[in-house]
Amino acid sequence: EGYETLLNTDMALEQDNMARLMRLTVDYARSIGYTGDFYIEP
């Protein structure tokens, strides 16, 4: 989840989509009873 060059990268769109995927994951996990933690590892 990043880039090699900004010449062919739409950073705003890519980060929007990454956030969308993470939100979908959290919402779905809670809906099926997952009670653990979510972490991002920089």
All heavy atoms as atom14 arrays in JSON, in Angstrom:
{
  "sequence": "EGYETLLNTDMALEQDNMARLMRLTVDYARSIGYTGDFYIEP",
  "atom14_mask": [
    [1, 1, 1, 1, 1, 1, 1, 1, 1, 0, 0, 0, 0, 0],
    [1, 1, 1, 1, 0, 0, 0, 0, 0, 0, 0, 0, 0, 0],
    [1, 1, 1, 1, 1, 1, 1, 1, 1, 1, 1, 1, 0, 0],
    [1, 1, 1, 1, 1, 1, 1, 1, 1, 0, 0, 0, 0, 0],
    [1, 1, 1, 1, 1, 1, 1, 0, 0, 0, 0, 0, 0, 0],
    [1, 1, 1, 1, 1, 1, 1, 1, 0, 0, 0, 0, 0, 0],
    [1, 1, 1, 1, 1, 1, 1, 1, 0, 0, 0, 0, 0, 0],
    [1, 1, 1, 1, 1, 1, 1, 1, 0, 0, 0, 0, 0, 0],
    [1, 1, 1, 1, 1, 1, 1, 0, 0, 0, 0, 0, 0, 0],
    [1, 1, 1, 1, 1, 1, 1, 1, 0, 0, 0, 0, 0, 0],
    [1, 1, 1, 1, 1, 1, 1, 1, 0, 0, 0, 0, 0, 0],
    [1, 1, 1, 1, 1, 0, 0, 0, 0, 0, 0, 0, 0, 0],
    [1, 1, 1, 1, 1, 1, 1, 1, 0, 0, 0, 0, 0, 0],
    [1, 1, 1, 1, 1, 1, 1, 1, 1, 0, 0, 0, 0, 0],
    [1, 1, 1, 1, 1, 1, 1, 1, 1, 0, 0, 0, 0, 0],
    [1, 1, 1, 1, 1, 1, 1, 1, 0, 0, 0, 0, 0, 0],
    [1, 1, 1, 1, 1, 1, 1, 1, 0, 0, 0, 0, 0, 0],
    [1, 1, 1, 1, 1, 1, 1, 1, 0, 0, 0, 0, 0, 0],
    [1, 1, 1, 1, 1, 0, 0, 0, 0, 0, 0, 0, 0, 0],
    [1, 1, 1, 1, 1, 1, 1, 1, 1, 1, 1, 0, 0, 0],
    [1, 1, 1, 1, 1, 1, 1, 1, 0, 0, 0, 0, 0, 0],
    [1, 1, 1, 1, 1, 1, 1, 1, 0, 0, 0, 0, 0, 0],
    [1, 1, 1, 1, 1, 1, 1, 1, 1, 1, 1, 0, 0, 0],
    [1, 1, 1, 1, 1, 1, 1, 1, 0, 0, 0, 0, 0, 0],
    [1, 1, 1, 1, 1, 1, 1, 0, 0, 0, 0, 0, 0, 0],
    [1, 1, 1, 1, 1, 1, 1, 0, 0, 0, 0, 0, 0, 0],
    [1, 1, 1, 1, 1, 1, 1, 1, 0, 0, 0, 0, 0, 0],
    [1, 1, 1, 1, 1, 1, 1, 1, 1, 1, 1, 1, 0, 0],
    [1, 1, 1, 1, 1, 0, 0, 0, 0, 0, 0, 0, 0, 0],
    [1, 1, 1, 1, 1, 1, 1, 1, 1, 1, 1, 0, 0, 0],
    [1, 1, 1, 1, 1, 1, 0, 0, 0, 0, 0, 0, 0, 0],
    [1, 1, 1, 1, 1, 1, 1, 1, 0, 0, 0, 0, 0, 0],
    [1, 1, 1, 1, 0, 0, 0, 0, 0, 0, 0, 0, 0, 0],
    [1, 1, 1, 1, 1, 1, 1, 1, 1, 1, 1, 1, 0, 0],
    [1, 1, 1, 1, 1, 1, 1, 0, 0, 0, 0, 0, 0, 0],
    [1, 1, 1, 1, 0, 0, 0, 0, 0, 0, 0, 0, 0, 0],
    [1, 1, 1, 1, 1, 1, 1, 1, 0, 0, 0, 0, 0, 0],
    [1, 1, 1, 1, 1, 1, 1, 1, 1, 1, 1, 0, 0, 0],
    [1, 1, 1, 1, 1, 1, 1, 1, 1, 1, 1, 1, 0, 0],
    [1, 1, 1, 1, 1, 1, 1, 1, 0, 0, 0, 0, 0, 0],
    [1, 1, 1, 1, 1, 1, 1, 1, 1, 0, 0, 0, 0, 0],
    [1, 1, 1, 1, 1, 1, 1, 0, 0, 0, 0, 0, 0, 0]
  ],
  "atom14_positions": [
    [[0.85, -1.2, 0.0], [0.0, 0.0, 0.0], [0.88, 1.24, 0.0], [1.21, 1.8, 1.04], [-0.94, -0.01, 1.22], [-1.62, -1.34, 1.49], [-2.58, -1.78, 0.41], [-2.63, -1.16, -0.68], [-3.3, -2.77, 0.63], [0.0, 0.0, 0.0], [0.0, 0.0, 0.0], [0.0, 0.0, 0.0], [0.0, 0.0, 0.0], [0.0, 0.0, 0.0]],
    [[1.3, 1.64, -1.19], [2.19, 2.78, -1.33], [2.52, 2.99, -2.79], [1.7, 2.7, -3.66], [0.0, 0.0, 0.0], [0.0, 0.0, 0.0], [0.0, 0.0, 0.0], [0.0, 0.0, 0.0], [0.0, 0.0, 0.0], [0.0, 0.0, 0.0], [0.0, 0.0, 0.0], [0.0, 0.0, 0.0], [0.0, 0.0, 0.0], [0.0, 0.0, 0.0]],
    [[3.7, 3.5, -3.06], [4.05, 3.76, -4.46], [5.55, 3.68, -4.69], [6.35, 3.77, -3.76], [3.54, 5.14, -4.88], [4.15, 6.3, -4.1], [5.4, 6.82, -4.45], [3.48, 6.87, -3.03], [5.96, 7.86, -3.75], [4.04, 7.92, -2.32], [5.28, 8.41, -2.68], [5.84, 9.43, -1.97], [0.0, 0.0, 0.0], [0.0, 0.0, 0.0]],
    [[5.91, 3.5, -5.95], [7.3, 3.56, -6.39], [7.62, 4.93, -6.97], [8.74, 5.41, -6.87], [7.57, 2.47, -7.43], [7.34, 1.05, -6.93], [8.26, 0.66, -5.8], [9.42, 1.14, -5.78], [7.83, -0.13, -4.92], [0.0, 0.0, 0.0], [0.0, 0.0, 0.0], [0.0, 0.0, 0.0], [0.0, 0.0, 0.0], [0.0, 0.0, 0.0]],
    [[6.64, 5.56, -7.6], [6.8, 6.91, -8.13], [5.46, 7.61, -8.11], [4.41, 6.98, -8.32], [7.35, 6.89, -9.57], [7.35, 8.24, -10.09], [6.52, 6.01, -10.48], [0.0, 0.0, 0.0], [0.0, 0.0, 0.0], [0.0, 0.0, 0.0], [0.0, 0.0, 0.0], [0.0, 0.0, 0.0], [0.0, 0.0, 0.0], [0.0, 0.0, 0.0]],
    [[5.46, 8.91, -7.86], [4.22, 9.69, -7.85], [3.76, 10.06, -9.25], [2.65, 10.57, -9.42], [4.42, 10.96, -7.02], [4.48, 10.75, -5.49], [4.87, 12.05, -4.8], [3.14, 10.25, -4.97], [0.0, 0.0, 0.0], [0.0, 0.0, 0.0], [0.0, 0.0, 0.0], [0.0, 0.0, 0.0], [0.0, 0.0, 0.0], [0.0, 0.0, 0.0]],
    [[4.58, 9.78, -10.26], [4.21, 10.16, -11.62], [2.98, 9.4, -12.11], [2.25, 9.88, -12.98], [5.39, 9.91, -12.57], [6.62, 10.79, -12.33], [7.76, 10.37, -13.25], [6.27, 12.26, -12.56], [0.0, 0.0, 0.0], [0.0, 0.0, 0.0], [0.0, 0.0, 0.0], [0.0, 0.0, 0.0], [0.0, 0.0, 0.0], [0.0, 0.0, 0.0]],
    [[2.75, 8.21, -11.57], [1.57, 7.45, -11.99], [0.71, 7.05, -10.8], [0.05, 6.01, -10.81], [1.99, 6.19, -12.78], [2.83, 5.24, -11.95], [3.18, 5.54, -10.81], [3.17, 4.09, -12.52], [0.0, 0.0, 0.0], [0.0, 0.0, 0.0], [0.0, 0.0, 0.0], [0.0, 0.0, 0.0], [0.0, 0.0, 0.0], [0.0, 0.0, 0.0]],
    [[0.72, 7.88, -9.74], [0.0, 7.56, -8.51], [-1.02, 8.65, -8.18], [-0.67, 9.83, -8.12], [0.99, 7.41, -7.33], [1.92, 6.38, -7.62], [0.25, 7.08, -6.04], [0.0, 0.0, 0.0], [0.0, 0.0, 0.0], [0.0, 0.0, 0.0], [0.0, 0.0, 0.0], [0.0, 0.0, 0.0], [0.0, 0.0, 0.0], [0.0, 0.0, 0.0]],
    [[-2.25, 8.25, -7.94], [-3.3, 9.14, -7.43], [-3.38, 8.9, -5.92], [-4.16, 8.07, -5.45], [-4.63, 8.85, -8.11], [-5.72, 9.86, -7.75], [-5.6, 10.5, -6.68], [-6.67, 10.0, -8.53], [0.0, 0.0, 0.0], [0.0, 0.0, 0.0], [0.0, 0.0, 0.0], [0.0, 0.0, 0.0], [0.0, 0.0, 0.0], [0.0, 0.0, 0.0]],
    [[-2.57, 9.61, -5.17], [-2.45, 9.35, -3.74], [-3.78, 9.52, -3.0], [-4.14, 8.7, -2.13], [-1.39, 10.27, -3.12], [-1.15, 10.0, -1.63], [-0.02, 11.17, -0.87], [1.52, 10.75, -1.69], [0.0, 0.0, 0.0], [0.0, 0.0, 0.0], [0.0, 0.0, 0.0], [0.0, 0.0, 0.0], [0.0, 0.0, 0.0], [0.0, 0.0, 0.0]],
    [[-4.51, 10.56, -3.32], [-5.78, 10.82, -2.63], [-6.76, 9.66, -2.83], [-7.38, 9.18, -1.88], [-6.38, 12.13, -3.12], [0.0, 0.0, 0.0], [0.0, 0.0, 0.0], [0.0, 0.0, 0.0], [0.0, 0.0, 0.0], [0.0, 0.0, 0.0], [0.0, 0.0, 0.0], [0.0, 0.0, 0.0], [0.0, 0.0, 0.0], [0.0, 0.0, 0.0]],
    [[-6.91, 9.22, -4.07], [-7.82, 8.12, -4.36], [-7.37, 6.83, -3.67], [-8.19, 6.09, -3.11], [-7.92, 7.9, -5.87], [-8.79, 6.71, -6.32], [-10.24, 6.92, -5.88], [-8.69, 6.52, -7.83], [0.0, 0.0, 0.0], [0.0, 0.0, 0.0], [0.0, 0.0, 0.0], [0.0, 0.0, 0.0], [0.0, 0.0, 0.0], [0.0, 0.0, 0.0]],
    [[-6.07, 6.55, -3.71], [-5.57, 5.32, -3.11], [-5.82, 5.3, -1.6], [-6.22, 4.28, -1.04], [-4.09, 5.16, -3.42], [-3.83, 4.84, -4.89], [-2.4, 4.41, -5.15], [-1.58, 4.4, -4.2], [-2.08, 4.07, -6.31], [0.0, 0.0, 0.0], [0.0, 0.0, 0.0], [0.0, 0.0, 0.0], [0.0, 0.0, 0.0], [0.0, 0.0, 0.0]],
    [[-5.59, 6.42, -0.94], [-5.81, 6.45, 0.5], [-7.3, 6.41, 0.84], [-7.7, 5.8, 1.85], [-5.14, 7.68, 1.12], [-3.62, 7.61, 1.02], [-2.92, 8.6, 1.92], [-3.56, 9.46, 2.53], [-1.61, 8.51, 1.99], [0.0, 0.0, 0.0], [0.0, 0.0, 0.0], [0.0, 0.0, 0.0], [0.0, 0.0, 0.0], [0.0, 0.0, 0.0]],
    [[-8.13, 7.03, 0.02], [-9.59, 6.9, 0.2], [-10.0, 5.43, 0.15], [-10.79, 4.96, 0.98], [-10.33, 7.67, -0.89], [-10.28, 9.19, -0.7], [-9.85, 9.64, 0.38], [-10.66, 9.9, -1.65], [0.0, 0.0, 0.0], [0.0, 0.0, 0.0], [0.0, 0.0, 0.0], [0.0, 0.0, 0.0], [0.0, 0.0, 0.0], [0.0, 0.0, 0.0]],
    [[-9.49, 4.72, -0.83], [-9.86, 3.32, -1.0], [-9.32, 2.45, 0.13], [-10.0, 1.51, 0.58], [-9.35, 2.8, -2.34], [-10.14, 3.35, -3.51], [-11.29, 3.79, -3.35], [-9.57, 3.32, -4.7], [0.0, 0.0, 0.0], [0.0, 0.0, 0.0], [0.0, 0.0, 0.0], [0.0, 0.0, 0.0], [0.0, 0.0, 0.0], [0.0, 0.0, 0.0]],
    [[-8.12, 2.74, 0.6], [-7.56, 1.97, 1.7], [-8.4, 2.15, 2.97], [-8.69, 1.19, 3.68], [-6.12, 2.39, 1.97], [-5.42, 1.53, 3.03], [-3.61, 1.73, 3.05], [-3.46, 3.43, 3.6], [0.0, 0.0, 0.0], [0.0, 0.0, 0.0], [0.0, 0.0, 0.0], [0.0, 0.0, 0.0], [0.0, 0.0, 0.0], [0.0, 0.0, 0.0]],
    [[-8.82, 3.38, 3.23], [-9.68, 3.65, 4.39], [-11.02, 2.94, 4.24], [-11.57, 2.41, 5.22], [-9.88, 5.15, 4.55], [0.0, 0.0, 0.0], [0.0, 0.0, 0.0], [0.0, 0.0, 0.0], [0.0, 0.0, 0.0], [0.0, 0.0, 0.0], [0.0, 0.0, 0.0], [0.0, 0.0, 0.0], [0.0, 0.0, 0.0], [0.0, 0.0, 0.0]],
    [[-11.54, 2.92, 3.03], [-12.82, 2.25, 2.78], [-12.71, 0.76, 3.09], [-13.6, 0.16, 3.71], [-13.24, 2.48, 1.33], [-14.61, 1.93, 0.98], [-15.01, 2.31, -0.44], [-15.2, 3.75, -0.59], [-14.39, 4.54, -1.29], [-13.35, 4.02, -1.92], [-14.63, 5.83, -1.38], [0.0, 0.0, 0.0], [0.0, 0.0, 0.0], [0.0, 0.0, 0.0]],
    [[-11.61, 0.16, 2.7], [-11.41, -1.27, 2.95], [-11.3, -1.54, 4.45], [-11.86, -2.53, 4.95], [-10.14, -1.74, 2.23], [-9.79, -3.22, 2.38], [-10.9, -4.12, 1.85], [-8.47, -3.52, 1.66], [0.0, 0.0, 0.0], [0.0, 0.0, 0.0], [0.0, 0.0, 0.0], [0.0, 0.0, 0.0], [0.0, 0.0, 0.0], [0.0, 0.0, 0.0]],
    [[-10.62, -0.69, 5.18], [-10.46, -0.89, 6.61], [-11.78, -0.72, 7.34], [-12.09, -1.48, 8.27], [-9.4, 0.08, 7.15], [-8.01, -0.21, 6.6], [-6.77, 1.03, 7.03], [-6.63, 0.71, 8.77], [0.0, 0.0, 0.0], [0.0, 0.0, 0.0], [0.0, 0.0, 0.0], [0.0, 0.0, 0.0], [0.0, 0.0, 0.0], [0.0, 0.0, 0.0]],
    [[-12.59, 0.24, 6.91], [-13.91, 0.44, 7.52], [-14.8, -0.77, 7.26], [-15.51, -1.25, 8.16], [-14.54, 1.73, 6.99], [-16.02, 1.93, 7.37], [-16.26, 1.81, 8.85], [-15.52, 2.8, 9.61], [-15.31, 2.72, 10.92], [-15.76, 1.68, 11.59], [-14.61, 3.64, 11.54], [0.0, 0.0, 0.0], [0.0, 0.0, 0.0], [0.0, 0.0, 0.0]],
    [[-14.77, -1.27, 6.04], [-15.55, -2.47, 5.72], [-15.13, -3.64, 6.61], [-15.98, -4.41, 7.09], [-15.35, -2.84, 4.25], [-16.03, -1.96, 3.2], [-15.51, -2.31, 1.8], [-17.55, -2.11, 3.26], [0.0, 0.0, 0.0], [0.0, 0.0, 0.0], [0.0, 0.0, 0.0], [0.0, 0.0, 0.0], [0.0, 0.0, 0.0], [0.0, 0.0, 0.0]],
    [[-13.84, -3.79, 6.83], [-13.33, -4.89, 7.64], [-13.8, -4.79, 9.08], [-14.28, -5.77, 9.66], [-11.79, -4.92, 7.6], [-11.35, -5.05, 6.25], [-11.25, -6.07, 8.43], [0.0, 0.0, 0.0], [0.0, 0.0, 0.0], [0.0, 0.0, 0.0], [0.0, 0.0, 0.0], [0.0, 0.0, 0.0], [0.0, 0.0, 0.0], [0.0, 0.0, 0.0]],
    [[-13.67, -3.61, 9.67], [-14.08, -3.43, 11.07], [-15.57, -3.7, 11.22], [-16.0, -4.43, 12.14], [-13.73, -2.01, 11.55], [-14.35, -1.74, 12.93], [-12.23, -1.81, 11.62], [0.0, 0.0, 0.0], [0.0, 0.0, 0.0], [0.0, 0.0, 0.0], [0.0, 0.0, 0.0], [0.0, 0.0, 0.0], [0.0, 0.0, 0.0], [0.0, 0.0, 0.0]],
    [[-16.38, -3.12, 10.35], [-17.83, -3.29, 10.46], [-18.23, -4.75, 10.32], [-19.08, -5.25, 11.07], [-18.54, -2.44, 9.41], [-18.42, -0.95, 9.68], [-18.01, -0.58, 10.8], [-18.71, -0.14, 8.76], [0.0, 0.0, 0.0], [0.0, 0.0, 0.0], [0.0, 0.0, 0.0], [0.0, 0.0, 0.0], [0.0, 0.0, 0.0], [0.0, 0.0, 0.0]],
    [[-17.62, -5.43, 9.36], [-17.97, -6.84, 9.16], [-17.5, -7.69, 10.34], [-18.25, -8.56, 10.83], [-17.36, -7.38, 7.87], [-17.66, -8.85, 7.67], [-18.95, -9.27, 7.35], [-16.66, -9.81, 7.84], [-19.24, -10.62, 7.21], [-16.95, -11.16, 7.69], [-18.24, -11.56, 7.37], [-18.53, -12.89, 7.23], [0.0, 0.0, 0.0], [0.0, 0.0, 0.0]],
    [[-16.28, -7.44, 10.82], [-15.75, -8.23, 11.93], [-16.64, -8.12, 13.16], [-16.96, -9.13, 13.82], [-14.33, -7.79, 12.26], [0.0, 0.0, 0.0], [0.0, 0.0, 0.0], [0.0, 0.0, 0.0], [0.0, 0.0, 0.0], [0.0, 0.0, 0.0], [0.0, 0.0, 0.0], [0.0, 0.0, 0.0], [0.0, 0.0, 0.0], [0.0, 0.0, 0.0]],
    [[-17.06, -6.91, 13.48], [-17.93, -6.73, 14.65], [-19.28, -7.41, 14.44], [-19.88, -7.93, 15.38], [-18.12, -5.25, 14.95], [-16.84, -4.49, 15.32], [-16.07, -5.14, 16.44], [-14.93, -4.34, 16.87], [-13.88, -4.82, 17.53], [-13.81, -6.11, 17.82], [-12.88, -4.04, 17.89], [0.0, 0.0, 0.0], [0.0, 0.0, 0.0], [0.0, 0.0, 0.0]],
    [[-19.76, -7.43, 13.21], [-21.07, -8.02, 12.92], [-21.08, -9.53, 13.1], [-22.15, -10.13, 13.33], [-21.52, -7.66, 11.5], [-20.82, -8.42, 10.52], [0.0, 0.0, 0.0], [0.0, 0.0, 0.0], [0.0, 0.0, 0.0], [0.0, 0.0, 0.0], [0.0, 0.0, 0.0], [0.0, 0.0, 0.0], [0.0, 0.0, 0.0], [0.0, 0.0, 0.0]],
    [[-19.91, -10.18, 13.01], [-19.86, -11.63, 13.17], [-19.33, -12.04, 14.55], [-19.05, -13.21, 14.79], [-19.0, -12.29, 12.07], [-17.54, -11.85, 12.16], [-19.58, -12.0, 10.68], [-16.61, -12.64, 11.24], [0.0, 0.0, 0.0], [0.0, 0.0, 0.0], [0.0, 0.0, 0.0], [0.0, 0.0, 0.0], [0.0, 0.0, 0.0], [0.0, 0.0, 0.0]],
    [[-19.18, -11.06, 15.44], [-18.83, -11.38, 16.81], [-17.36, -11.29, 17.17], [-16.97, -11.74, 18.25], [0.0, 0.0, 0.0], [0.0, 0.0, 0.0], [0.0, 0.0, 0.0], [0.0, 0.0, 0.0], [0.0, 0.0, 0.0], [0.0, 0.0, 0.0], [0.0, 0.0, 0.0], [0.0, 0.0, 0.0], [0.0, 0.0, 0.0], [0.0, 0.0, 0.0]],
    [[-16.54, -10.71, 16.29], [-15.13, -10.54, 16.64], [-15.01, -9.46, 17.71], [-15.51, -8.34, 17.54], [-14.33, -10.14, 15.4], [-12.88, -9.8, 15.71], [-11.98, -10.79, 16.05], [-12.43, -8.48, 15.68], [-10.66, -10.49, 16.35], [-11.11, -8.17, 15.97], [-10.23, -9.18, 16.31], [-8.93, -8.87, 16.61], [0.0, 0.0, 0.0], [0.0, 0.0, 0.0]],
    [[-14.36, -9.79, 18.83], [-14.25, -8.85, 19.95], [-12.81, -8.43, 20.22], [-12.55, -7.69, 21.18], [-14.83, -9.48, 21.23], [-14.12, -10.7, 21.52], [-16.31, -9.78, 21.06], [0.0, 0.0, 0.0], [0.0, 0.0, 0.0], [0.0, 0.0, 0.0], [0.0, 0.0, 0.0], [0.0, 0.0, 0.0], [0.0, 0.0, 0.0], [0.0, 0.0, 0.0]],
    [[-11.87, -8.89, 19.4], [-10.46, -8.56, 19.63], [-10.11, -7.16, 19.18], [-10.98, -6.34, 18.83], [0.0, 0.0, 0.0], [0.0, 0.0, 0.0], [0.0, 0.0, 0.0], [0.0, 0.0, 0.0], [0.0, 0.0, 0.0], [0.0, 0.0, 0.0], [0.0, 0.0, 0.0], [0.0, 0.0, 0.0], [0.0, 0.0, 0.0], [0.0, 0.0, 0.0]],
    [[-8.83, -6.87, 19.18], [-8.32, -5.55, 18.81], [-7.95, -5.51, 17.33], [-7.67, -6.53, 16.71], [-7.07, -5.21, 19.63], [-7.38, -5.09, 21.11], [-8.43, -4.54, 21.46], [-6.55, -5.56, 21.92], [0.0, 0.0, 0.0], [0.0, 0.0, 0.0], [0.0, 0.0, 0.0], [0.0, 0.0, 0.0], [0.0, 0.0, 0.0], [0.0, 0.0, 0.0]],
    [[-7.94, -4.28, 16.79], [-7.41, -4.03, 15.45], [-6.15, -3.18, 15.58], [-6.12, -2.2, 16.33], [-8.44, -3.28, 14.58], [-9.61, -4.11, 14.18], [-10.82, -3.99, 14.85], [-9.52, -5.01, 13.13], [-11.91, -4.76, 14.49], [-10.61, -5.78, 12.76], [-11.81, -5.65, 13.44], [0.0, 0.0, 0.0], [0.0, 0.0, 0.0], [0.0, 0.0, 0.0]],
    [[-5.13, -3.57, 14.85], [-3.86, -2.84, 14.89], [-3.37, -2.52, 13.48], [-3.6, -3.29, 12.55], [-2.78, -3.66, 15.6], [-3.07, -3.96, 17.04], [-3.32, -5.26, 17.45], [-3.09, -2.95, 18.0], [-3.58, -5.55, 18.78], [-3.36, -3.23, 19.32], [-3.6, -4.53, 19.71], [-3.86, -4.81, 21.02], [0.0, 0.0, 0.0], [0.0, 0.0, 0.0]],
    [[-2.71, -1.38, 13.38], [-1.92, -1.07, 12.19], [-0.46, -1.06, 12.62], [-0.1, -0.48, 13.64], [-2.29, 0.29, 11.58], [-3.73, 0.29, 11.09], [-1.35, 0.61, 10.41], [-4.13, 1.59, 10.44], [0.0, 0.0, 0.0], [0.0, 0.0, 0.0], [0.0, 0.0, 0.0], [0.0, 0.0, 0.0], [0.0, 0.0, 0.0], [0.0, 0.0, 0.0]],
    [[0.37, -1.71, 11.83], [1.79, -1.78, 12.13], [2.55, -0.89, 11.15], [2.7, -1.24, 9.98], [2.29, -3.22, 12.03], [3.73, -3.4, 12.45], [4.11, -4.87, 12.53], [3.3, -5.68, 12.99], [5.25, -5.19, 12.11], [0.0, 0.0, 0.0], [0.0, 0.0, 0.0], [0.0, 0.0, 0.0], [0.0, 0.0, 0.0], [0.0, 0.0, 0.0]],
    [[3.0, 0.29, 11.61], [3.7, 1.2, 10.69], [5.01, 0.61, 10.18], [5.73, -0.08, 10.9], [3.97, 2.44, 11.56], [3.02, 2.34, 12.7], [2.84, 0.87, 12.95], [0.0, 0.0, 0.0], [0.0, 0.0, 0.0], [0.0, 0.0, 0.0], [0.0, 0.0, 0.0], [0.0, 0.0, 0.0], [0.0, 0.0, 0.0], [0.0, 0.0, 0.0]]
  ]
}
